[in-house]
C-alpha cells in the first residue's frame, strides 16, 4: 500500500511535467493532471494546429492520452496507443545547456516501441520532429483529485 509520503512524492515528481510545452517546429504538448498516479497529455501538431488522427488506434485524436512516470521517475511515458501496447512517447525532463539560448529544463522526446511491433514505425512521423520541448505556460496541479 502506498503511503501518504510516497503519494506526495509521486505527485511532486509528476508536477514538473504539468503545463504547456512547445518545440521549435510548433508542436505543442498540453500536460494535465489525471489522477494521483497519472497525467493526461494532448499533442497538437505544429503543421495543422490540431491534434493528429491516430489511424492505428481507431482514428482517435491525440488528446487526453494516458501518461505515467517511468520506473526512475525521470521520464513521462505517454501511451500513443492502448496502455501496454508498447508504442509510447517518452519525455525525459532534463536540464539542457544551450549555446544560443538560455539554458533550462526541457522535455527531450523519444519514440519507444516493442521490437516485435515494428508496424508502428510508419506512424512515428505524426509526432516528429523529435526536438526539445520548452515550457511556455505552467499549469498548477489539482491536488483535490485522488
N, C-alpha and C. Protein backbone atom coordinates (compact mmCIF):
# COMPACT_ATOMS: atom_id res chain seq x y z
N UNK A 1 0.84 -1.19 0.00
CA UNK A 1 0.00 0.00 0.00
C UNK A 1 0.88 1.25 0.00
N UNK A 2 0.49 2.23 -0.79
CA UNK A 2 1.26 3.45 -0.91
C UNK A 2 1.00 4.37 0.29
N UNK A 3 2.07 4.87 0.86
CA UNK A 3 1.91 5.78 1.99
C UNK A 3 1.63 7.18 1.49
N UNK A 4 1.18 8.04 2.39
CA UNK A 4 0.89 9.43 2.03
C UNK A 4 2.15 10.12 1.53
N UNK A 5 3.28 9.86 2.18
CA UNK A 5 4.53 10.49 1.76
C UNK A 5 4.91 10.04 0.35
N UNK A 6 4.78 8.75 0.05
CA UNK A 6 5.09 8.25 -1.29
C UNK A 6 4.16 8.87 -2.32
N UNK A 7 2.89 9.01 -1.96
CA UNK A 7 1.91 9.61 -2.86
C UNK A 7 2.26 11.06 -3.15
N UNK A 8 2.64 11.82 -2.12
CA UNK A 8 3.03 13.23 -2.30
C UNK A 8 4.28 13.32 -3.16
N UNK A 9 5.26 12.44 -2.93
CA UNK A 9 6.49 12.46 -3.71
C UNK A 9 6.19 12.18 -5.18
N UNK A 10 5.31 11.22 -5.44
CA UNK A 10 4.94 10.89 -6.81
C UNK A 10 4.27 12.09 -7.47
N UNK A 11 3.39 12.78 -6.74
CA UNK A 11 2.73 13.95 -7.28
C UNK A 11 3.74 15.04 -7.59
N UNK A 12 4.68 15.30 -6.68
CA UNK A 12 5.66 16.36 -6.94
C UNK A 12 6.55 16.03 -8.14
N UNK A 13 6.86 14.75 -8.32
CA UNK A 13 7.64 14.36 -9.50
C UNK A 13 6.83 14.53 -10.77
N UNK A 14 5.53 14.29 -10.70
CA UNK A 14 4.67 14.48 -11.87
C UNK A 14 4.40 15.95 -12.14
N UNK A 15 4.33 16.76 -11.08
CA UNK A 15 4.01 18.18 -11.24
C UNK A 15 4.97 18.91 -12.16
N UNK A 16 6.23 18.51 -12.18
CA UNK A 16 7.20 19.22 -13.01
C UNK A 16 6.90 19.09 -14.50
N UNK A 17 6.09 18.09 -14.88
CA UNK A 17 5.71 17.90 -16.28
C UNK A 17 4.48 18.72 -16.67
N UNK A 18 3.69 19.11 -15.68
CA UNK A 18 2.41 19.76 -15.95
C UNK A 18 2.63 21.15 -16.56
N UNK A 19 1.91 21.42 -17.63
CA UNK A 19 1.99 22.70 -18.30
C UNK A 19 1.85 22.54 -19.80
N UNK A 20 2.11 23.61 -20.50
CA UNK A 20 2.07 23.60 -21.97
C UNK A 20 3.50 23.75 -22.45
N UNK A 21 3.91 22.85 -23.32
CA UNK A 21 5.28 22.78 -23.83
C UNK A 21 5.24 22.88 -25.36
N UNK A 22 6.23 23.56 -25.93
CA UNK A 22 6.26 23.74 -27.38
C UNK A 22 7.68 23.52 -27.90
N UNK A 23 7.79 22.87 -29.07
CA UNK A 23 9.12 22.73 -29.68
C UNK A 23 9.28 23.76 -30.81
N UNK A 24 10.47 23.82 -31.39
CA UNK A 24 10.77 24.85 -32.40
C UNK A 24 9.93 24.70 -33.65
N UNK A 25 9.41 23.51 -33.92
CA UNK A 25 8.56 23.29 -35.09
C UNK A 25 7.10 23.63 -34.82
N UNK A 26 6.79 24.02 -33.60
CA UNK A 26 5.44 24.43 -33.27
C UNK A 26 4.55 23.35 -32.69
N UNK A 27 5.08 22.12 -32.55
CA UNK A 27 4.30 21.06 -31.90
C UNK A 27 4.10 21.42 -30.44
N UNK A 28 2.91 21.15 -29.93
CA UNK A 28 2.57 21.50 -28.56
C UNK A 28 2.15 20.26 -27.78
N UNK A 29 2.62 20.18 -26.54
CA UNK A 29 2.18 19.15 -25.60
C UNK A 29 1.47 19.86 -24.45
N UNK A 30 0.22 19.51 -24.23
CA UNK A 30 -0.54 20.02 -23.09
C UNK A 30 -0.62 18.89 -22.08
N UNK A 31 0.01 19.07 -20.93
CA UNK A 31 0.09 18.02 -19.92
C UNK A 31 -0.68 18.47 -18.69
N UNK A 32 -1.67 17.66 -18.30
CA UNK A 32 -2.56 18.00 -17.20
C UNK A 32 -2.66 16.84 -16.23
N UNK A 33 -3.05 17.14 -14.98
CA UNK A 33 -3.26 16.07 -14.01
C UNK A 33 -4.41 15.16 -14.45
N UNK A 34 -4.31 13.89 -14.09
CA UNK A 34 -5.38 12.94 -14.36
C UNK A 34 -5.87 12.34 -13.05
N UNK A 35 -4.98 11.62 -12.37
CA UNK A 35 -5.26 11.12 -11.02
C UNK A 35 -3.94 11.09 -10.27
N UNK A 36 -3.91 10.48 -9.08
CA UNK A 36 -2.70 10.57 -8.27
C UNK A 36 -1.50 9.84 -8.88
N UNK A 37 -1.72 8.95 -9.84
CA UNK A 37 -0.62 8.19 -10.43
C UNK A 37 -0.41 8.44 -11.92
N UNK A 38 -1.18 9.37 -12.50
CA UNK A 38 -1.03 9.56 -13.94
C UNK A 38 -1.38 10.99 -14.35
N UNK A 39 -1.00 11.29 -15.57
CA UNK A 39 -1.29 12.57 -16.20
C UNK A 39 -1.99 12.28 -17.52
N UNK A 40 -2.56 13.31 -18.12
CA UNK A 40 -3.10 13.16 -19.47
C UNK A 40 -2.40 14.17 -20.37
N UNK A 41 -2.09 13.73 -21.57
CA UNK A 41 -1.29 14.52 -22.49
C UNK A 41 -2.03 14.66 -23.82
N UNK A 42 -2.07 15.89 -24.32
CA UNK A 42 -2.62 16.14 -25.65
C UNK A 42 -1.49 16.66 -26.53
N UNK A 43 -1.40 16.12 -27.74
CA UNK A 43 -0.38 16.52 -28.72
C UNK A 43 -1.07 17.30 -29.82
N UNK A 44 -0.58 18.53 -30.06
CA UNK A 44 -1.12 19.39 -31.12
C UNK A 44 -0.02 19.58 -32.16
N UNK A 45 -0.31 19.26 -33.41
CA UNK A 45 0.66 19.38 -34.49
C UNK A 45 0.95 20.84 -34.80
N UNK A 46 2.24 21.15 -34.96
CA UNK A 46 2.64 22.50 -35.36
C UNK A 46 2.24 22.82 -36.79
N UNK A 47 2.06 21.79 -37.62
CA UNK A 47 1.69 22.00 -39.03
C UNK A 47 0.22 22.35 -39.17
N UNK A 48 -0.64 21.61 -38.47
CA UNK A 48 -2.08 21.79 -38.65
C UNK A 48 -2.75 22.57 -37.52
N UNK A 49 -2.04 22.76 -36.40
CA UNK A 49 -2.59 23.41 -35.20
C UNK A 49 -3.77 22.62 -34.62
N UNK A 50 -3.78 21.32 -34.90
CA UNK A 50 -4.84 20.42 -34.41
C UNK A 50 -4.22 19.13 -33.90
N UNK A 51 -4.95 18.38 -33.10
CA UNK A 51 -4.46 17.06 -32.71
C UNK A 51 -4.30 16.19 -33.96
N UNK A 52 -3.39 15.23 -33.91
CA UNK A 52 -3.24 14.32 -35.04
C UNK A 52 -4.25 13.19 -34.91
N UNK A 53 -4.61 12.60 -36.03
CA UNK A 53 -5.52 11.46 -36.06
C UNK A 53 -4.66 10.20 -36.05
N UNK A 54 -4.90 9.35 -35.05
CA UNK A 54 -4.13 8.11 -34.91
C UNK A 54 -4.85 6.97 -35.63
N UNK A 55 -4.54 6.82 -36.90
CA UNK A 55 -5.16 5.81 -37.76
C UNK A 55 -5.06 4.40 -37.16
N UNK A 56 -3.92 4.12 -36.53
CA UNK A 56 -3.67 2.80 -35.95
C UNK A 56 -4.50 2.55 -34.68
N UNK A 57 -5.18 3.57 -34.18
CA UNK A 57 -5.93 3.48 -32.92
C UNK A 57 -7.36 3.98 -33.15
N UNK A 58 -8.05 3.34 -34.09
CA UNK A 58 -9.46 3.65 -34.40
C UNK A 58 -9.69 5.12 -34.73
N UNK A 59 -8.70 5.77 -35.32
CA UNK A 59 -8.78 7.17 -35.72
C UNK A 59 -9.03 8.13 -34.56
N UNK A 60 -8.60 7.76 -33.36
CA UNK A 60 -8.70 8.66 -32.21
C UNK A 60 -7.74 9.83 -32.38
N UNK A 61 -8.15 11.00 -31.89
CA UNK A 61 -7.27 12.16 -31.89
C UNK A 61 -6.24 12.01 -30.77
N UNK A 62 -5.16 12.74 -30.88
CA UNK A 62 -4.07 12.68 -29.89
C UNK A 62 -4.37 13.62 -28.71
N UNK A 63 -5.51 13.37 -28.05
CA UNK A 63 -5.89 14.18 -26.90
C UNK A 63 -6.12 13.27 -25.70
N UNK A 64 -5.83 13.80 -24.52
CA UNK A 64 -6.04 13.09 -23.26
C UNK A 64 -5.43 11.70 -23.25
N UNK A 65 -4.21 11.58 -23.79
CA UNK A 65 -3.51 10.29 -23.79
C UNK A 65 -2.97 10.01 -22.39
N UNK A 66 -3.09 8.78 -21.95
CA UNK A 66 -2.65 8.37 -20.62
C UNK A 66 -1.12 8.43 -20.52
N UNK A 67 -0.61 8.93 -19.39
CA UNK A 67 0.84 9.02 -19.18
C UNK A 67 1.17 8.73 -17.73
N UNK A 68 2.29 8.03 -17.52
CA UNK A 68 2.78 7.72 -16.18
C UNK A 68 4.28 7.93 -16.14
N UNK A 69 4.80 8.15 -14.94
CA UNK A 69 6.25 8.25 -14.76
C UNK A 69 6.88 6.90 -15.02
N UNK A 70 8.12 6.91 -15.54
CA UNK A 70 8.85 5.66 -15.69
C UNK A 70 9.34 5.18 -14.32
N UNK A 71 9.98 4.03 -14.29
CA UNK A 71 10.43 3.43 -13.04
C UNK A 71 11.31 4.38 -12.23
N UNK A 72 12.18 5.13 -12.90
CA UNK A 72 13.12 6.04 -12.22
C UNK A 72 12.53 7.42 -11.94
N UNK A 73 11.31 7.66 -12.42
CA UNK A 73 10.60 8.92 -12.25
C UNK A 73 11.31 10.11 -12.88
N UNK A 74 12.08 9.84 -13.93
CA UNK A 74 12.79 10.91 -14.65
C UNK A 74 12.14 11.21 -15.99
N UNK A 75 11.30 10.30 -16.46
CA UNK A 75 10.63 10.46 -17.74
C UNK A 75 9.15 10.20 -17.60
N UNK A 76 8.40 10.83 -18.48
CA UNK A 76 6.97 10.59 -18.56
C UNK A 76 6.74 9.72 -19.79
N UNK A 77 6.05 8.60 -19.61
CA UNK A 77 5.77 7.67 -20.71
C UNK A 77 4.33 7.88 -21.16
N UNK A 78 4.16 8.45 -22.35
CA UNK A 78 2.84 8.77 -22.90
C UNK A 78 2.39 7.64 -23.81
N UNK A 79 1.24 7.08 -23.52
CA UNK A 79 0.70 5.97 -24.32
C UNK A 79 0.14 6.52 -25.63
N UNK A 80 0.78 6.21 -26.74
CA UNK A 80 0.31 6.66 -28.05
C UNK A 80 -0.76 5.72 -28.62
N UNK A 81 -0.92 4.58 -27.97
CA UNK A 81 -1.89 3.56 -28.35
C UNK A 81 -2.55 3.13 -27.06
N UNK A 82 -3.10 1.96 -27.00
CA UNK A 82 -3.67 1.45 -25.75
C UNK A 82 -2.55 1.13 -24.77
N UNK A 83 -2.84 1.31 -23.49
CA UNK A 83 -1.85 1.02 -22.45
C UNK A 83 -1.38 -0.42 -22.57
N UNK A 84 -0.06 -0.59 -22.53
CA UNK A 84 0.53 -1.92 -22.62
C UNK A 84 0.85 -2.39 -24.02
N UNK A 85 0.46 -1.60 -25.03
CA UNK A 85 0.74 -1.98 -26.42
C UNK A 85 2.20 -1.70 -26.80
N UNK A 86 2.88 -0.85 -26.03
CA UNK A 86 4.30 -0.64 -26.26
C UNK A 86 4.65 0.43 -27.27
N UNK A 87 3.73 1.32 -27.60
CA UNK A 87 4.02 2.43 -28.51
C UNK A 87 3.84 3.69 -27.69
N UNK A 88 4.97 4.33 -27.34
CA UNK A 88 4.95 5.45 -26.40
C UNK A 88 5.82 6.60 -26.87
N UNK A 89 5.47 7.78 -26.37
CA UNK A 89 6.31 8.95 -26.48
C UNK A 89 6.94 9.13 -25.11
N UNK A 90 8.25 8.98 -25.05
CA UNK A 90 8.97 9.13 -23.79
C UNK A 90 9.48 10.56 -23.69
N UNK A 91 9.18 11.22 -22.57
CA UNK A 91 9.58 12.61 -22.37
C UNK A 91 10.50 12.70 -21.16
N UNK A 92 11.79 12.85 -21.42
CA UNK A 92 12.78 12.98 -20.37
C UNK A 92 12.84 14.43 -19.91
N UNK A 93 12.66 14.67 -18.62
CA UNK A 93 12.75 16.00 -18.04
C UNK A 93 14.19 16.22 -17.65
N UNK A 94 14.86 17.18 -18.31
CA UNK A 94 16.30 17.33 -18.08
C UNK A 94 16.73 18.78 -18.28
N UNK A 95 17.79 19.16 -17.56
CA UNK A 95 18.42 20.47 -17.72
C UNK A 95 19.29 20.42 -18.96
N UNK A 96 19.10 21.37 -19.86
CA UNK A 96 19.86 21.40 -21.11
C UNK A 96 20.61 22.73 -21.18
N UNK A 97 21.92 22.64 -21.46
CA UNK A 97 22.75 23.83 -21.67
C UNK A 97 22.81 24.13 -23.16
N UNK A 98 22.38 25.34 -23.54
CA UNK A 98 22.39 25.75 -24.93
C UNK A 98 23.43 26.84 -25.14
N UNK A 99 23.95 26.94 -26.35
CA UNK A 99 24.91 27.99 -26.68
C UNK A 99 24.20 29.29 -27.06
N UNK A 100 23.10 29.17 -27.82
CA UNK A 100 22.46 30.34 -28.41
C UNK A 100 21.14 30.74 -27.78
N UNK A 101 20.79 30.13 -26.68
CA UNK A 101 19.57 30.49 -25.97
C UNK A 101 19.74 30.14 -24.50
N UNK A 102 18.90 30.69 -23.65
CA UNK A 102 19.05 30.41 -22.21
C UNK A 102 18.91 28.92 -21.90
N UNK A 103 19.75 28.43 -21.00
CA UNK A 103 19.67 27.05 -20.55
C UNK A 103 18.44 26.89 -19.68
N UNK A 104 18.01 25.67 -19.52
CA UNK A 104 16.86 25.42 -18.66
C UNK A 104 16.35 24.01 -18.80
N UNK A 105 15.30 23.73 -18.05
CA UNK A 105 14.68 22.41 -18.13
C UNK A 105 13.87 22.30 -19.41
N UNK A 106 14.00 21.17 -20.05
CA UNK A 106 13.29 20.87 -21.28
C UNK A 106 12.78 19.43 -21.21
N UNK A 107 11.88 19.11 -22.12
CA UNK A 107 11.45 17.74 -22.32
C UNK A 107 12.16 17.23 -23.57
N UNK A 108 12.93 16.17 -23.41
CA UNK A 108 13.62 15.54 -24.54
C UNK A 108 12.80 14.33 -24.97
N UNK A 109 12.19 14.39 -26.17
CA UNK A 109 11.30 13.32 -26.60
C UNK A 109 12.00 12.17 -27.30
N UNK A 110 11.38 11.01 -27.22
CA UNK A 110 11.83 9.83 -27.94
C UNK A 110 10.64 8.90 -28.15
N UNK A 111 10.67 8.14 -29.23
CA UNK A 111 9.62 7.16 -29.51
C UNK A 111 10.08 5.80 -29.00
N UNK A 112 9.20 5.11 -28.29
CA UNK A 112 9.51 3.79 -27.72
C UNK A 112 8.47 2.80 -28.25
N UNK A 113 8.93 1.60 -28.60
CA UNK A 113 8.01 0.56 -29.06
C UNK A 113 8.59 -0.81 -28.76
N UNK A 114 7.71 -1.80 -28.68
CA UNK A 114 8.20 -3.17 -28.57
C UNK A 114 8.85 -3.54 -29.89
N UNK A 115 9.96 -4.26 -29.83
CA UNK A 115 10.69 -4.63 -31.04
C UNK A 115 9.80 -5.37 -32.03
N UNK A 116 8.93 -6.24 -31.54
CA UNK A 116 8.07 -7.03 -32.43
C UNK A 116 6.99 -6.20 -33.12
N UNK A 117 6.71 -5.00 -32.60
CA UNK A 117 5.67 -4.14 -33.16
C UNK A 117 6.23 -3.11 -34.12
N UNK A 118 7.04 -3.55 -35.07
CA UNK A 118 7.68 -2.60 -35.98
C UNK A 118 6.69 -1.96 -36.96
N UNK A 119 5.45 -2.47 -37.05
CA UNK A 119 4.48 -1.84 -37.94
C UNK A 119 4.14 -0.42 -37.49
N UNK A 120 4.39 -0.08 -36.22
CA UNK A 120 4.09 1.27 -35.75
C UNK A 120 5.13 2.29 -36.22
N UNK A 121 6.26 1.82 -36.76
CA UNK A 121 7.30 2.75 -37.24
C UNK A 121 6.75 3.75 -38.25
N UNK A 122 5.80 3.31 -39.07
CA UNK A 122 5.27 4.19 -40.10
C UNK A 122 4.43 5.33 -39.53
N UNK A 123 4.14 5.29 -38.23
CA UNK A 123 3.36 6.36 -37.60
C UNK A 123 4.21 7.31 -36.78
N UNK A 124 5.51 7.08 -36.71
CA UNK A 124 6.39 7.98 -35.96
C UNK A 124 6.27 9.42 -36.45
N UNK A 125 6.11 9.60 -37.76
CA UNK A 125 6.10 10.94 -38.35
C UNK A 125 5.01 11.83 -37.73
N UNK A 126 3.95 11.22 -37.21
CA UNK A 126 2.87 12.00 -36.62
C UNK A 126 3.35 12.86 -35.46
N UNK A 127 4.39 12.39 -34.76
CA UNK A 127 4.87 13.06 -33.55
C UNK A 127 6.24 13.70 -33.74
N UNK A 128 6.70 13.80 -34.97
CA UNK A 128 8.00 14.40 -35.28
C UNK A 128 7.83 15.86 -35.65
N UNK A 129 8.94 16.62 -35.64
CA UNK A 129 10.29 16.19 -35.31
C UNK A 129 10.47 16.04 -33.79
N UNK A 130 11.38 15.17 -33.42
CA UNK A 130 11.67 14.92 -32.01
C UNK A 130 12.68 15.94 -31.52
N UNK A 131 12.18 17.15 -31.27
CA UNK A 131 13.01 18.27 -30.79
C UNK A 131 12.65 18.55 -29.33
N UNK A 132 13.57 19.22 -28.64
CA UNK A 132 13.31 19.61 -27.26
C UNK A 132 12.02 20.43 -27.17
N UNK A 133 11.28 20.20 -26.10
CA UNK A 133 10.08 21.00 -25.80
C UNK A 133 10.41 21.94 -24.66
N UNK A 134 10.04 23.20 -24.83
CA UNK A 134 10.24 24.21 -23.81
C UNK A 134 8.88 24.59 -23.22
N UNK A 135 8.84 24.73 -21.90
CA UNK A 135 7.57 25.11 -21.25
C UNK A 135 7.22 26.54 -21.64
N UNK A 136 5.98 26.74 -22.09
CA UNK A 136 5.53 28.08 -22.45
C UNK A 136 4.43 28.57 -21.51
N UNK A 137 3.84 27.65 -20.74
CA UNK A 137 2.81 28.02 -19.78
C UNK A 137 2.74 26.94 -18.72
N UNK A 138 2.80 27.35 -17.48
CA UNK A 138 2.79 26.41 -16.37
C UNK A 138 1.38 26.33 -15.80
N UNK A 139 0.89 25.10 -15.68
CA UNK A 139 -0.40 24.88 -15.03
C UNK A 139 -0.14 24.28 -13.68
N UNK A 140 -0.99 24.56 -12.75
CA UNK A 140 -0.84 24.02 -11.40
C UNK A 140 -1.61 22.72 -11.28
N UNK A 141 -1.07 21.80 -10.51
CA UNK A 141 -1.73 20.52 -10.28
C UNK A 141 -2.96 20.74 -9.42
N UNK A 142 -3.99 19.96 -9.70
CA UNK A 142 -5.20 19.96 -8.88
C UNK A 142 -5.04 18.88 -7.82
N UNK A 143 -4.65 19.29 -6.64
CA UNK A 143 -4.38 18.33 -5.56
C UNK A 143 -5.65 17.75 -4.96
N UNK A 144 -6.82 18.18 -5.41
CA UNK A 144 -8.04 17.65 -4.86
C UNK A 144 -8.43 16.32 -5.49
N UNK A 145 -7.82 15.97 -6.64
CA UNK A 145 -8.11 14.68 -7.29
C UNK A 145 -7.42 13.57 -6.55
N UNK A 146 -8.04 12.41 -6.52
CA UNK A 146 -7.40 11.26 -5.87
C UNK A 146 -7.56 10.01 -6.66
